[in-house]
Amino acid sequence: MTVYTKTWKKKKKAVTDSKNAYESLSATQTKQISQAKNYQATITTAQSNIQAINDSLAYYYKSEKTKGKN
């Protein structure tokens, strides 16, 4: 006989509740959630690209500034 602890039962209930909530979403809601995640990933990627460009511009600006002093 298997004996389940309070913690195990609580986590199992949380998983079941999450699964039921996910299954109750309509196809449109699921698509919207997926789109939102994709948009967030696109924004994050764009921000990192912009930061990389800004960093390289700052580096070249500083290196050109020091070349002029020599």
C-alpha atoms as a PDB file:
ATOM      1  CA  MET A   1       0.000   0.000   0.000  1.00  0.00           C
ATOM      2  CA  THR A   2       1.324   3.403  -0.966  1.00  0.00           C
ATOM      3  CA  VAL A   3       1.207   6.163   1.610  1.00  0.00           C
ATOM      4  CA  TYR A   4       1.193   9.722   0.294  1.00  0.00           C
ATOM      5  CA  THR A   5       2.409  12.648   2.367  1.00  0.00           C
ATOM      6  CA  LYS A   6       0.612  15.963   2.771  1.00  0.00           C
ATOM      7  CA  THR A   7       3.255  17.653   0.628  1.00  0.00           C
ATOM      8  CA  TRP A   8       2.868  15.108  -2.160  1.00  0.00           C
ATOM      9  CA  LYS A   9      -0.920  15.469  -2.111  1.00  0.00           C
ATOM     10  CA  LYS A  10      -0.630  19.272  -2.211  1.00  0.00           C
ATOM     11  CA  LYS A  11       1.731  19.186  -5.197  1.00  0.00           C
ATOM     12  CA  LYS A  12      -0.415  16.610  -6.990  1.00  0.00           C
ATOM     13  CA  LYS A  13      -3.473  18.836  -6.509  1.00  0.00           C
ATOM     14  CA  ALA A  14      -1.567  21.843  -7.868  1.00  0.00           C
ATOM     15  CA  VAL A  15      -0.552  19.875 -10.959  1.00  0.00           C
ATOM     16  CA  THR A  16      -4.105  18.658 -11.481  1.00  0.00           C
ATOM     17  CA  ASP A  17      -5.484  22.188 -11.099  1.00  0.00           C
ATOM     18  CA  SER A  18      -2.967  23.561 -13.592  1.00  0.00           C
ATOM     19  CA  LYS A  19      -3.733  20.792 -16.056  1.00  0.00           C
ATOM     20  CA  ASN A  20      -7.468  21.437 -15.767  1.00  0.00           C
ATOM     21  CA  ALA A  21      -6.964  25.179 -16.257  1.00  0.00           C
ATOM     22  CA  TYR A  22      -4.834  24.542 -19.343  1.00  0.00           C
ATOM     23  CA  GLU A  23      -7.353  22.126 -20.820  1.00  0.00           C
ATOM     24  CA  SER A  24     -10.194  24.575 -20.226  1.00  0.00           C
ATOM     25  CA  LEU A  25      -8.563  27.240 -22.411  1.00  0.00           C
ATOM     26  CA  SER A  26     -10.109  27.704 -25.799  1.00  0.00           C
ATOM     27  CA  ALA A  27      -8.055  27.385 -28.975  1.00  0.00           C
ATOM     28  CA  THR A  28      -8.081  31.175 -29.385  1.00  0.00           C
ATOM     29  CA  GLN A  29      -6.774  31.744 -25.868  1.00  0.00           C
ATOM     30  CA  THR A  30      -4.048  29.150 -26.370  1.00  0.00           C
ATOM     31  CA  LYS A  31      -3.019  30.833 -29.625  1.00  0.00           C
ATOM     32  CA  GLN A  32      -2.936  34.250 -27.930  1.00  0.00           C
ATOM     33  CA  ILE A  33      -0.758  32.945 -25.098  1.00  0.00           C
ATOM     34  CA  SER A  34       1.600  31.380 -27.627  1.00  0.00           C
ATOM     35  CA  GLN A  35       1.770  34.628 -29.611  1.00  0.00           C
ATOM     36  CA  ALA A  36       2.474  36.633 -26.466  1.00  0.00           C
ATOM     37  CA  LYS A  37       5.383  34.336 -25.606  1.00  0.00           C
ATOM     38  CA  ASN A  38       6.757  34.656 -29.148  1.00  0.00           C
ATOM     39  CA  TYR A  39       6.446  38.451 -29.044  1.00  0.00           C
ATOM     40  CA  GLN A  40       8.258  38.568 -25.708  1.00  0.00           C
ATOM     41  CA  ALA A  41      11.077  36.421 -27.108  1.00  0.00           C
ATOM     42  CA  THR A  42      11.321  38.717 -30.149  1.00  0.00           C
ATOM     43  CA  ILE A  43      11.482  41.794 -27.919  1.00  0.00           C
ATOM     44  CA  THR A  44      14.183  40.232 -25.755  1.00  0.00           C
ATOM     45  CA  THR A  45      16.258  39.321 -28.818  1.00  0.00           C
ATOM     46  CA  ALA A  46      15.877  42.797 -30.302  1.00  0.00           C
ATOM     47  CA  GLN A  47      16.893  44.412 -27.004  1.00  0.00           C
ATOM     48  CA  SER A  48      20.023  42.274 -26.792  1.00  0.00           C
ATOM     49  CA  ASN A  49      20.926  43.143 -30.399  1.00  0.00           C
ATOM     50  CA  ILE A  50      20.461  46.843 -29.702  1.00  0.00           C
ATOM     51  CA  GLN A  51      22.620  46.560 -26.573  1.00  0.00           C
ATOM     52  CA  ALA A  52      25.375  44.804 -28.547  1.00  0.00           C
ATOM     53  CA  ILE A  53      25.323  47.559 -31.172  1.00  0.00           C
ATOM     54  CA  ASN A  54      25.437  50.267 -28.500  1.00  0.00           C
ATOM     55  CA  ASP A  55      28.343  48.528 -26.782  1.00  0.00           C
ATOM     56  CA  SER A  56      30.326  48.277 -30.015  1.00  0.00           C
ATOM     57  CA  LEU A  57      29.607  51.914 -30.882  1.00  0.00           C
ATOM     58  CA  ALA A  58      30.775  53.001 -27.438  1.00  0.00           C
ATOM     59  CA  TYR A  59      33.943  50.899 -27.813  1.00  0.00           C
ATOM     60  CA  TYR A  60      34.805  52.363 -31.216  1.00  0.00           C
ATOM     61  CA  TYR A  61      33.984  55.871 -30.044  1.00  0.00           C
ATOM     62  CA  LYS A  62      36.349  55.484 -27.085  1.00  0.00           C
ATOM     63  CA  SER A  63      39.104  53.908 -29.186  1.00  0.00           C
ATOM     64  CA  GLU A  64      38.862  56.637 -31.856  1.00  0.00           C
ATOM     65  CA  LYS A  65      38.881  59.288 -29.151  1.00  0.00           C
ATOM     66  CA  THR A  66      42.119  57.921 -27.673  1.00  0.00           C
ATOM     67  CA  LYS A  67      43.755  57.627 -31.125  1.00  0.00           C
ATOM     68  CA  GLY A  68      43.251  61.342 -31.690  1.00  0.00           C
ATOM     69  CA  LYS A  69      45.203  62.196 -28.517  1.00  0.00           C
ATOM     70  CA  ASN A  70      48.356  60.340 -29.535  1.00  0.00           C
END
